[in-house]
Amino acid sequence: MMPALSALVFSMSIPMFLHAAEVPADARASAHAEVQHLVESFKHAVLTKDGDAMRGMFLPGGSWFRVLDRTSLNAVRAKKPESKQLNPGTYEDFAKFLGTSPATLEETFDNVRIETDGTVGTVWFDYRFIKDGKQSNHGVETWQVVRESDGWKISAMLYSVILDDLG
């Protein structure tokens, strides 16, 4: 299933990159800055545990997938044999988690790459998820984003999960 999902994400991105060359550089720079603002708003919502702000960053009905790496999957299956590598989720579930978690939360982003033609875009980065000051998992995260009349929204999220504490 992973190769098919990867192929889908890749094929959705190709037309955008081909079209991006036709968009004036100043318009691309402005759109890039707006998408960067979305990235910063996401990080802030995690840090402040603002579920409502998080909900506002997503298009209703968008996709959300979490994919465990093999080592993490094996560790999880040792406790729950029915566990799957690819797990669908929703931004609603994440927003609820943010709003109700008693833990201190933070997600850091490194090597952020943004591509956009001013209408759609992709965001790709390395992330680390930190709970109560301790890194719990890390991986790569990618978003498909769309410019709406009220700003940029995340329409799809796909991220890998490498668990840091396998015990």
N, C-alpha and C. Protein backbone atom coordinates (compact mmCIF):
# COMPACT_ATOMS: atom_id res chain seq x y z
N MET A 1 0.81 -1.19 0.00
CA MET A 1 0.00 0.00 0.00
C MET A 1 0.86 1.26 0.00
N MET A 2 2.00 1.24 0.69
CA MET A 2 2.88 2.40 0.75
C MET A 2 3.35 2.86 -0.62
N PRO A 3 3.82 1.97 -1.52
CA PRO A 3 4.25 2.44 -2.82
C PRO A 3 3.14 3.16 -3.57
N ALA A 4 1.92 2.66 -3.46
CA ALA A 4 0.80 3.31 -4.14
C ALA A 4 0.55 4.69 -3.57
N LEU A 5 0.59 4.83 -2.25
CA LEU A 5 0.37 6.12 -1.62
C LEU A 5 1.49 7.09 -1.97
N SER A 6 2.72 6.62 -1.95
CA SER A 6 3.85 7.47 -2.33
C SER A 6 3.73 7.92 -3.77
N ALA A 7 3.34 7.01 -4.65
CA ALA A 7 3.17 7.36 -6.06
C ALA A 7 2.08 8.41 -6.23
N LEU A 8 1.00 8.27 -5.45
CA LEU A 8 -0.09 9.24 -5.53
C LEU A 8 0.39 10.63 -5.11
N VAL A 9 1.07 10.73 -3.99
CA VAL A 9 1.57 12.02 -3.51
C VAL A 9 2.53 12.62 -4.53
N PHE A 10 3.44 11.79 -5.05
CA PHE A 10 4.40 12.27 -6.04
C PHE A 10 3.70 12.75 -7.30
N SER A 11 2.75 11.97 -7.81
CA SER A 11 2.08 12.35 -9.06
C SER A 11 1.25 13.60 -8.89
N MET A 12 0.72 13.84 -7.68
CA MET A 12 -0.04 15.06 -7.43
C MET A 12 0.88 16.28 -7.44
N SER A 13 2.14 16.08 -7.10
CA SER A 13 3.09 17.19 -6.99
C SER A 13 3.69 17.60 -8.33
N ILE A 14 3.83 16.70 -9.27
CA ILE A 14 4.52 16.98 -10.54
C ILE A 14 3.91 18.15 -11.29
N PRO A 15 2.59 18.18 -11.53
CA PRO A 15 2.03 19.31 -12.29
C PRO A 15 2.31 20.65 -11.64
N MET A 16 2.31 20.71 -10.32
CA MET A 16 2.56 21.96 -9.63
C MET A 16 3.96 22.48 -9.94
N PHE A 17 4.97 21.60 -9.89
CA PHE A 17 6.33 22.02 -10.14
C PHE A 17 6.51 22.49 -11.59
N LEU A 18 5.84 21.83 -12.52
CA LEU A 18 5.95 22.22 -13.92
C LEU A 18 5.30 23.58 -14.14
N HIS A 19 4.18 23.83 -13.47
CA HIS A 19 3.47 25.08 -13.63
C HIS A 19 4.15 26.23 -12.88
N ALA A 20 4.88 25.93 -11.83
CA ALA A 20 5.48 26.97 -10.98
C ALA A 20 6.40 27.89 -11.77
N ALA A 21 7.03 27.40 -12.81
CA ALA A 21 7.94 28.23 -13.60
C ALA A 21 7.20 29.35 -14.30
N GLU A 22 5.88 29.21 -14.52
CA GLU A 22 5.09 30.23 -15.21
C GLU A 22 4.62 31.34 -14.27
N VAL A 23 4.73 31.17 -12.98
CA VAL A 23 4.27 32.14 -12.00
C VAL A 23 5.40 33.14 -11.74
N PRO A 24 5.10 34.45 -11.77
CA PRO A 24 6.14 35.45 -11.51
C PRO A 24 6.84 35.20 -10.17
N ALA A 25 8.13 35.50 -10.15
CA ALA A 25 8.95 35.22 -8.96
C ALA A 25 8.42 35.93 -7.72
N ASP A 26 7.95 37.18 -7.85
CA ASP A 26 7.46 37.90 -6.67
C ASP A 26 6.17 37.27 -6.13
N ALA A 27 5.32 36.74 -7.00
CA ALA A 27 4.10 36.06 -6.56
C ALA A 27 4.45 34.76 -5.86
N ARG A 28 5.44 34.03 -6.39
CA ARG A 28 5.87 32.79 -5.73
C ARG A 28 6.47 33.09 -4.36
N ALA A 29 7.26 34.16 -4.27
CA ALA A 29 7.89 34.52 -2.99
C ALA A 29 6.81 34.89 -1.96
N SER A 30 5.80 35.62 -2.39
CA SER A 30 4.71 36.00 -1.49
C SER A 30 3.95 34.75 -1.02
N ALA A 31 3.62 33.86 -1.95
CA ALA A 31 2.92 32.62 -1.59
C ALA A 31 3.78 31.76 -0.67
N HIS A 32 5.07 31.70 -0.95
CA HIS A 32 6.00 30.93 -0.11
C HIS A 32 5.96 31.46 1.32
N ALA A 33 5.99 32.79 1.48
CA ALA A 33 5.96 33.40 2.81
C ALA A 33 4.64 33.10 3.52
N GLU A 34 3.54 33.08 2.77
CA GLU A 34 2.24 32.77 3.36
C GLU A 34 2.18 31.32 3.84
N VAL A 35 2.73 30.40 3.05
CA VAL A 35 2.77 28.99 3.46
C VAL A 35 3.69 28.84 4.68
N GLN A 36 4.81 29.57 4.69
CA GLN A 36 5.71 29.54 5.85
C GLN A 36 4.97 30.01 7.11
N HIS A 37 4.10 30.99 6.95
CA HIS A 37 3.28 31.46 8.08
C HIS A 37 2.37 30.34 8.59
N LEU A 38 1.80 29.54 7.67
CA LEU A 38 0.98 28.40 8.06
C LEU A 38 1.81 27.40 8.87
N VAL A 39 3.03 27.16 8.44
CA VAL A 39 3.93 26.26 9.16
C VAL A 39 4.18 26.77 10.58
N GLU A 40 4.48 28.05 10.71
CA GLU A 40 4.73 28.64 12.03
C GLU A 40 3.47 28.61 12.89
N SER A 41 2.31 28.85 12.29
CA SER A 41 1.05 28.80 13.03
C SER A 41 0.78 27.39 13.55
N PHE A 42 1.11 26.38 12.75
CA PHE A 42 0.94 24.99 13.16
C PHE A 42 1.80 24.70 14.38
N LYS A 43 3.08 25.08 14.31
CA LYS A 43 3.99 24.85 15.43
C LYS A 43 3.49 25.56 16.69
N HIS A 44 3.02 26.78 16.52
CA HIS A 44 2.51 27.55 17.67
C HIS A 44 1.27 26.89 18.27
N ALA A 45 0.38 26.38 17.44
CA ALA A 45 -0.83 25.73 17.94
C ALA A 45 -0.48 24.48 18.75
N VAL A 46 0.55 23.74 18.32
CA VAL A 46 0.99 22.58 19.09
C VAL A 46 1.54 23.04 20.44
N LEU A 47 2.42 24.03 20.39
CA LEU A 47 3.08 24.52 21.61
C LEU A 47 2.08 25.06 22.63
N THR A 48 1.05 25.75 22.14
CA THR A 48 0.05 26.35 23.03
C THR A 48 -1.16 25.45 23.24
N LYS A 49 -1.12 24.27 22.62
CA LYS A 49 -2.20 23.28 22.72
C LYS A 49 -3.55 23.88 22.34
N ASP A 50 -3.55 24.62 21.22
CA ASP A 50 -4.74 25.32 20.74
C ASP A 50 -5.44 24.48 19.67
N GLY A 51 -6.33 23.61 20.11
CA GLY A 51 -7.06 22.73 19.20
C GLY A 51 -7.91 23.49 18.20
N ASP A 52 -8.52 24.59 18.62
CA ASP A 52 -9.36 25.37 17.71
C ASP A 52 -8.54 25.99 16.58
N ALA A 53 -7.38 26.53 16.93
CA ALA A 53 -6.50 27.09 15.89
C ALA A 53 -6.06 25.99 14.93
N MET A 54 -5.75 24.81 15.47
CA MET A 54 -5.34 23.68 14.62
C MET A 54 -6.45 23.32 13.66
N ARG A 55 -7.68 23.22 14.14
CA ARG A 55 -8.81 22.88 13.26
C ARG A 55 -8.93 23.86 12.10
N GLY A 56 -8.67 25.12 12.37
CA GLY A 56 -8.81 26.15 11.35
C GLY A 56 -7.76 26.10 10.24
N MET A 57 -6.75 25.27 10.41
CA MET A 57 -5.68 25.17 9.41
C MET A 57 -5.92 24.08 8.38
N PHE A 58 -7.02 23.34 8.51
CA PHE A 58 -7.27 22.19 7.65
C PHE A 58 -8.54 22.36 6.83
N LEU A 59 -8.53 21.78 5.64
CA LEU A 59 -9.75 21.68 4.84
C LEU A 59 -10.56 20.50 5.36
N PRO A 60 -11.84 20.69 5.59
CA PRO A 60 -12.68 19.56 6.01
C PRO A 60 -12.60 18.43 4.98
N GLY A 61 -12.54 17.21 5.48
CA GLY A 61 -12.52 16.06 4.58
C GLY A 61 -11.16 15.70 4.03
N GLY A 62 -10.12 16.42 4.43
CA GLY A 62 -8.78 16.12 3.94
C GLY A 62 -8.26 14.80 4.48
N SER A 63 -7.12 14.38 3.96
CA SER A 63 -6.57 13.10 4.41
C SER A 63 -5.46 13.31 5.44
N TRP A 64 -5.27 12.28 6.26
CA TRP A 64 -4.27 12.30 7.33
C TRP A 64 -3.80 10.86 7.50
N PHE A 65 -2.52 10.59 7.24
CA PHE A 65 -1.99 9.24 7.37
C PHE A 65 -0.68 9.26 8.16
N ARG A 66 -0.57 8.29 9.06
CA ARG A 66 0.63 8.07 9.86
C ARG A 66 1.19 6.72 9.43
N VAL A 67 2.51 6.65 9.19
CA VAL A 67 3.13 5.41 8.74
C VAL A 67 4.30 5.09 9.65
N LEU A 68 4.21 3.95 10.35
CA LEU A 68 5.28 3.51 11.24
C LEU A 68 6.43 2.90 10.43
N ASP A 69 7.66 3.19 10.82
CA ASP A 69 8.79 2.51 10.20
C ASP A 69 8.79 1.05 10.69
N ARG A 70 9.55 0.18 10.03
CA ARG A 70 9.52 -1.25 10.34
C ARG A 70 9.90 -1.57 11.79
N THR A 71 10.93 -0.93 12.29
CA THR A 71 11.37 -1.20 13.67
C THR A 71 10.28 -0.81 14.67
N SER A 72 9.69 0.36 14.46
CA SER A 72 8.62 0.81 15.35
C SER A 72 7.40 -0.09 15.24
N LEU A 73 7.07 -0.49 14.02
CA LEU A 73 5.93 -1.39 13.81
C LEU A 73 6.14 -2.71 14.55
N ASN A 74 7.33 -3.27 14.44
CA ASN A 74 7.61 -4.52 15.15
C ASN A 74 7.48 -4.36 16.66
N ALA A 75 7.95 -3.24 17.19
CA ALA A 75 7.85 -2.99 18.63
C ALA A 75 6.38 -2.84 19.06
N VAL A 76 5.61 -2.14 18.26
CA VAL A 76 4.19 -1.95 18.58
C VAL A 76 3.45 -3.29 18.46
N ARG A 77 3.77 -4.07 17.43
CA ARG A 77 3.10 -5.37 17.25
C ARG A 77 3.44 -6.36 18.36
N ALA A 78 4.58 -6.18 19.03
CA ALA A 78 4.91 -7.05 20.16
C ALA A 78 3.88 -6.91 21.27
N LYS A 79 3.28 -5.71 21.37
CA LYS A 79 2.27 -5.46 22.40
C LYS A 79 0.85 -5.57 21.84
N LYS A 80 0.70 -5.19 20.57
CA LYS A 80 -0.61 -5.23 19.91
C LYS A 80 -0.44 -5.84 18.53
N PRO A 81 -0.54 -7.15 18.41
CA PRO A 81 -0.27 -7.84 17.13
C PRO A 81 -1.12 -7.36 15.95
N GLU A 82 -2.27 -6.81 16.21
CA GLU A 82 -3.15 -6.36 15.13
C GLU A 82 -2.76 -5.00 14.56
N SER A 83 -1.75 -4.36 15.11
CA SER A 83 -1.33 -3.02 14.66
C SER A 83 -0.94 -3.02 13.19
N LYS A 84 -1.23 -1.92 12.54
CA LYS A 84 -0.93 -1.76 11.12
C LYS A 84 0.16 -0.72 10.92
N GLN A 85 0.86 -0.84 9.80
CA GLN A 85 1.91 0.12 9.49
C GLN A 85 1.32 1.47 9.07
N LEU A 86 0.29 1.45 8.24
CA LEU A 86 -0.36 2.65 7.74
C LEU A 86 -1.64 2.88 8.52
N ASN A 87 -1.74 4.05 9.16
CA ASN A 87 -2.88 4.37 10.02
C ASN A 87 -3.53 5.68 9.61
N PRO A 88 -4.79 5.62 9.19
CA PRO A 88 -5.49 6.87 8.89
C PRO A 88 -5.85 7.57 10.19
N GLY A 89 -5.97 8.86 10.12
CA GLY A 89 -6.38 9.66 11.26
C GLY A 89 -7.11 10.89 10.76
N THR A 90 -7.33 11.85 11.64
CA THR A 90 -7.98 13.09 11.23
C THR A 90 -7.35 14.26 11.98
N TYR A 91 -7.46 15.43 11.39
CA TYR A 91 -6.99 16.62 12.10
C TYR A 91 -7.87 16.88 13.32
N GLU A 92 -9.12 16.45 13.27
CA GLU A 92 -10.02 16.60 14.41
C GLU A 92 -9.50 15.83 15.63
N ASP A 93 -9.04 14.59 15.38
CA ASP A 93 -8.47 13.79 16.48
C ASP A 93 -7.24 14.48 17.07
N PHE A 94 -6.39 15.02 16.20
CA PHE A 94 -5.18 15.68 16.67
C PHE A 94 -5.53 16.95 17.45
N ALA A 95 -6.49 17.72 16.93
CA ALA A 95 -6.90 18.95 17.62
C ALA A 95 -7.48 18.62 18.99
N LYS A 96 -8.25 17.55 19.08
CA LYS A 96 -8.81 17.13 20.37
C LYS A 96 -7.69 16.72 21.33
N PHE A 97 -6.71 15.97 20.81
CA PHE A 97 -5.55 15.57 21.62
C PHE A 97 -4.84 16.81 22.16
N LEU A 98 -4.62 17.81 21.29
CA LEU A 98 -3.94 19.03 21.73
C LEU A 98 -4.71 19.72 22.86
N GLY A 99 -6.01 19.82 22.67
CA GLY A 99 -6.84 20.55 23.62
C GLY A 99 -7.03 19.85 24.95
N THR A 100 -6.79 18.54 25.02
CA THR A 100 -7.06 17.80 26.25
C THR A 100 -5.82 17.18 26.89
N SER A 101 -4.70 17.19 26.22
CA SER A 101 -3.50 16.56 26.77
C SER A 101 -2.96 17.36 27.96
N PRO A 102 -2.70 16.68 29.08
CA PRO A 102 -2.09 17.37 30.21
C PRO A 102 -0.58 17.60 30.02
N ALA A 103 0.01 16.92 29.04
CA ALA A 103 1.45 17.00 28.80
C ALA A 103 1.84 18.30 28.10
N THR A 104 3.08 18.72 28.33
CA THR A 104 3.67 19.80 27.56
C THR A 104 4.05 19.23 26.20
N LEU A 105 3.65 19.91 25.12
CA LEU A 105 3.88 19.38 23.77
C LEU A 105 4.65 20.37 22.92
N GLU A 106 5.45 19.83 22.02
CA GLU A 106 6.17 20.65 21.05
C GLU A 106 6.48 19.79 19.84
N GLU A 107 6.40 20.40 18.67
CA GLU A 107 6.85 19.73 17.45
C GLU A 107 7.84 20.67 16.78
N THR A 108 9.04 20.16 16.55
CA THR A 108 10.05 20.98 15.88
C THR A 108 10.16 20.53 14.43
N PHE A 109 10.46 21.48 13.55
CA PHE A 109 10.59 21.22 12.13
C PHE A 109 11.99 21.63 11.68
N ASP A 110 12.66 20.76 10.95
CA ASP A 110 13.96 21.06 10.36
C ASP A 110 13.91 20.78 8.86
N ASN A 111 14.80 21.44 8.13
CA ASN A 111 14.91 21.24 6.68
C ASN A 111 13.57 21.43 5.97
N VAL A 112 12.86 22.49 6.33
CA VAL A 112 11.54 22.76 5.74
C VAL A 112 11.72 23.16 4.27
N ARG A 113 10.98 22.48 3.42
CA ARG A 113 10.98 22.77 1.98
C ARG A 113 9.54 23.08 1.56
N ILE A 114 9.37 24.21 0.91
CA ILE A 114 8.04 24.65 0.46
C ILE A 114 8.12 24.87 -1.04
N GLU A 115 7.17 24.30 -1.76
CA GLU A 115 7.01 24.54 -3.19
C GLU A 115 5.57 24.95 -3.43
N THR A 116 5.38 26.02 -4.19
CA THR A 116 4.02 26.47 -4.48
C THR A 116 3.98 27.25 -5.79
N ASP A 117 2.83 27.19 -6.43
CA ASP A 117 2.60 28.02 -7.60
C ASP A 117 1.65 29.17 -7.26
N GLY A 118 1.33 29.32 -5.98
CA GLY A 118 0.43 30.37 -5.53
C GLY A 118 -1.00 29.90 -5.34
N THR A 119 -1.31 28.71 -5.84
CA THR A 119 -2.66 28.15 -5.70
C THR A 119 -2.64 26.89 -4.86
N VAL A 120 -1.69 26.00 -5.16
CA VAL A 120 -1.48 24.78 -4.38
C VAL A 120 -0.01 24.70 -4.03
N GLY A 121 0.31 23.82 -3.09
CA GLY A 121 1.71 23.70 -2.72
C GLY A 121 1.97 22.44 -1.92
N THR A 122 3.25 22.21 -1.68
CA THR A 122 3.66 21.11 -0.81
C THR A 122 4.63 21.66 0.24
N VAL A 123 4.57 21.06 1.40
CA VAL A 123 5.50 21.36 2.48
C VAL A 123 6.08 20.02 2.90
N TRP A 124 7.40 19.97 3.07
CA TRP A 124 8.09 18.73 3.41
C TRP A 124 9.14 19.09 4.45
N PHE A 125 9.21 18.32 5.54
CA PHE A 125 10.19 18.64 6.58
C PHE A 125 10.48 17.42 7.44
N ASP A 126 11.58 17.50 8.17
CA ASP A 126 11.91 16.54 9.21
C ASP A 126 11.30 17.08 10.50
N TYR A 127 10.66 16.21 11.26
CA TYR A 127 10.04 16.68 12.49
C TYR A 127 10.52 15.87 13.69
N ARG A 128 10.36 16.46 14.85
CA ARG A 128 10.57 15.79 16.14
C ARG A 128 9.39 16.15 17.02
N PHE A 129 8.73 15.14 17.60
CA PHE A 129 7.60 15.39 18.50
C PHE A 129 8.09 15.19 19.92
N ILE A 130 7.89 16.21 20.74
CA ILE A 130 8.42 16.23 22.10
C ILE A 130 7.26 16.33 23.08
N LYS A 131 7.24 15.41 24.04
CA LYS A 131 6.17 15.36 25.04
C LYS A 131 6.83 15.42 26.42
N ASP A 132 6.42 16.41 27.20
CA ASP A 132 6.99 16.63 28.54
C ASP A 132 8.52 16.68 28.50
N GLY A 133 9.05 17.38 27.50
CA GLY A 133 10.48 17.60 27.39
C GLY A 133 11.28 16.44 26.84
N LYS A 134 10.62 15.34 26.50
CA LYS A 134 11.31 14.16 25.99
C LYS A 134 10.81 13.83 24.58
N GLN A 135 11.75 13.65 23.67
CA GLN A 135 11.37 13.31 22.29
C GLN A 135 10.72 11.93 22.27
N SER A 136 9.50 11.86 21.73
CA SER A 136 8.79 10.58 21.69
C SER A 136 8.88 9.91 20.32
N ASN A 137 8.94 10.72 19.27
CA ASN A 137 9.07 10.16 17.92
C ASN A 137 9.57 11.24 16.97
N HIS A 138 10.00 10.79 15.82
CA HIS A 138 10.47 11.71 14.79
C HIS A 138 10.24 11.06 13.43
N GLY A 139 10.47 11.82 12.38
CA GLY A 139 10.30 11.29 11.04
C GLY A 139 10.24 12.41 10.02
N VAL A 140 9.59 12.12 8.92
CA VAL A 140 9.39 13.08 7.84
C VAL A 140 7.90 13.33 7.72
N GLU A 141 7.54 14.58 7.48
CA GLU A 141 6.13 14.96 7.34
C GLU A 141 5.96 15.74 6.05
N THR A 142 4.88 15.49 5.37
CA THR A 142 4.58 16.23 4.15
C THR A 142 3.12 16.66 4.15
N TRP A 143 2.89 17.87 3.68
CA TRP A 143 1.54 18.41 3.57
C TRP A 143 1.27 18.79 2.12
N GLN A 144 0.04 18.62 1.70
CA GLN A 144 -0.47 19.24 0.48
C GLN A 144 -1.29 20.42 0.96
N VAL A 145 -1.06 21.59 0.41
CA VAL A 145 -1.76 22.79 0.86
C VAL A 145 -2.48 23.46 -0.30
N VAL A 146 -3.54 24.17 0.04
CA VAL A 146 -4.39 24.84 -0.95
C VAL A 146 -4.66 26.26 -0.47
N ARG A 147 -4.59 27.22 -1.38
CA ARG A 147 -4.92 28.60 -1.02
C ARG A 147 -6.43 28.78 -1.15
N GLU A 148 -7.07 29.10 -0.04
CA GLU A 148 -8.50 29.39 0.01
C GLU A 148 -8.67 30.91 0.11
N SER A 149 -9.88 31.38 0.04
CA SER A 149 -10.12 32.82 0.13
C SER A 149 -9.68 33.39 1.48
N ASP A 150 -9.68 32.55 2.53
CA ASP A 150 -9.27 33.00 3.86
C ASP A 150 -7.86 32.54 4.23
N GLY A 151 -7.07 32.12 3.25
CA GLY A 151 -5.68 31.75 3.52
C GLY A 151 -5.37 30.32 3.14
N TRP A 152 -4.16 29.91 3.43
CA TRP A 152 -3.69 28.57 3.10
C TRP A 152 -4.22 27.55 4.09
N LYS A 153 -4.63 26.39 3.56
CA LYS A 153 -5.16 25.29 4.38
C LYS A 153 -4.43 24.01 4.00
N ILE A 154 -4.31 23.12 4.96
CA ILE A 154 -3.72 21.80 4.73
C ILE A 154 -4.83 20.89 4.24
N SER A 155 -4.64 20.30 3.06
CA SER A 155 -5.65 19.39 2.52
C SER A 155 -5.27 17.93 2.73
N ALA A 156 -3.98 17.66 2.92
CA ALA A 156 -3.53 16.29 3.14
C ALA A 156 -2.25 16.30 3.96
N MET A 157 -2.15 15.33 4.86
CA MET A 157 -0.95 15.19 5.68
C MET A 157 -0.54 13.71 5.67
N LEU A 158 0.76 13.48 5.49
CA LEU A 158 1.33 12.14 5.52
C LEU A 158 2.64 12.25 6.28
N TYR A 159 2.82 11.39 7.28
CA TYR A 159 4.07 11.47 8.04
C TYR A 159 4.52 10.08 8.49
N SER A 160 5.83 9.93 8.52
CA SER A 160 6.42 8.70 9.04
C SER A 160 6.61 8.85 10.54
N VAL A 161 6.61 7.71 11.24
CA VAL A 161 6.81 7.71 12.69
C VAL A 161 7.91 6.72 13.03
N ILE A 162 8.97 7.25 13.59
CA ILE A 162 10.05 6.44 14.13
C ILE A 162 10.01 6.67 15.64
N LEU A 163 9.59 5.65 16.38
CA LEU A 163 9.47 5.78 17.83
C LEU A 163 10.84 5.85 18.46
N ASP A 164 11.00 6.77 19.41
CA ASP A 164 12.30 6.95 20.06
C ASP A 164 12.48 6.09 21.30
N ASP A 165 11.38 5.70 21.92
CA ASP A 165 11.46 4.84 23.09
C ASP A 165 10.68 3.57 22.77
N LEU A 166 11.40 2.55 22.37
CA LEU A 166 10.76 1.31 21.94
C LEU A 166 10.46 0.35 23.09
N GLY A 167 10.79 0.76 24.31
CA GLY A 167 10.59 -0.10 25.47
C GLY A 167 9.20 -0.15 25.99
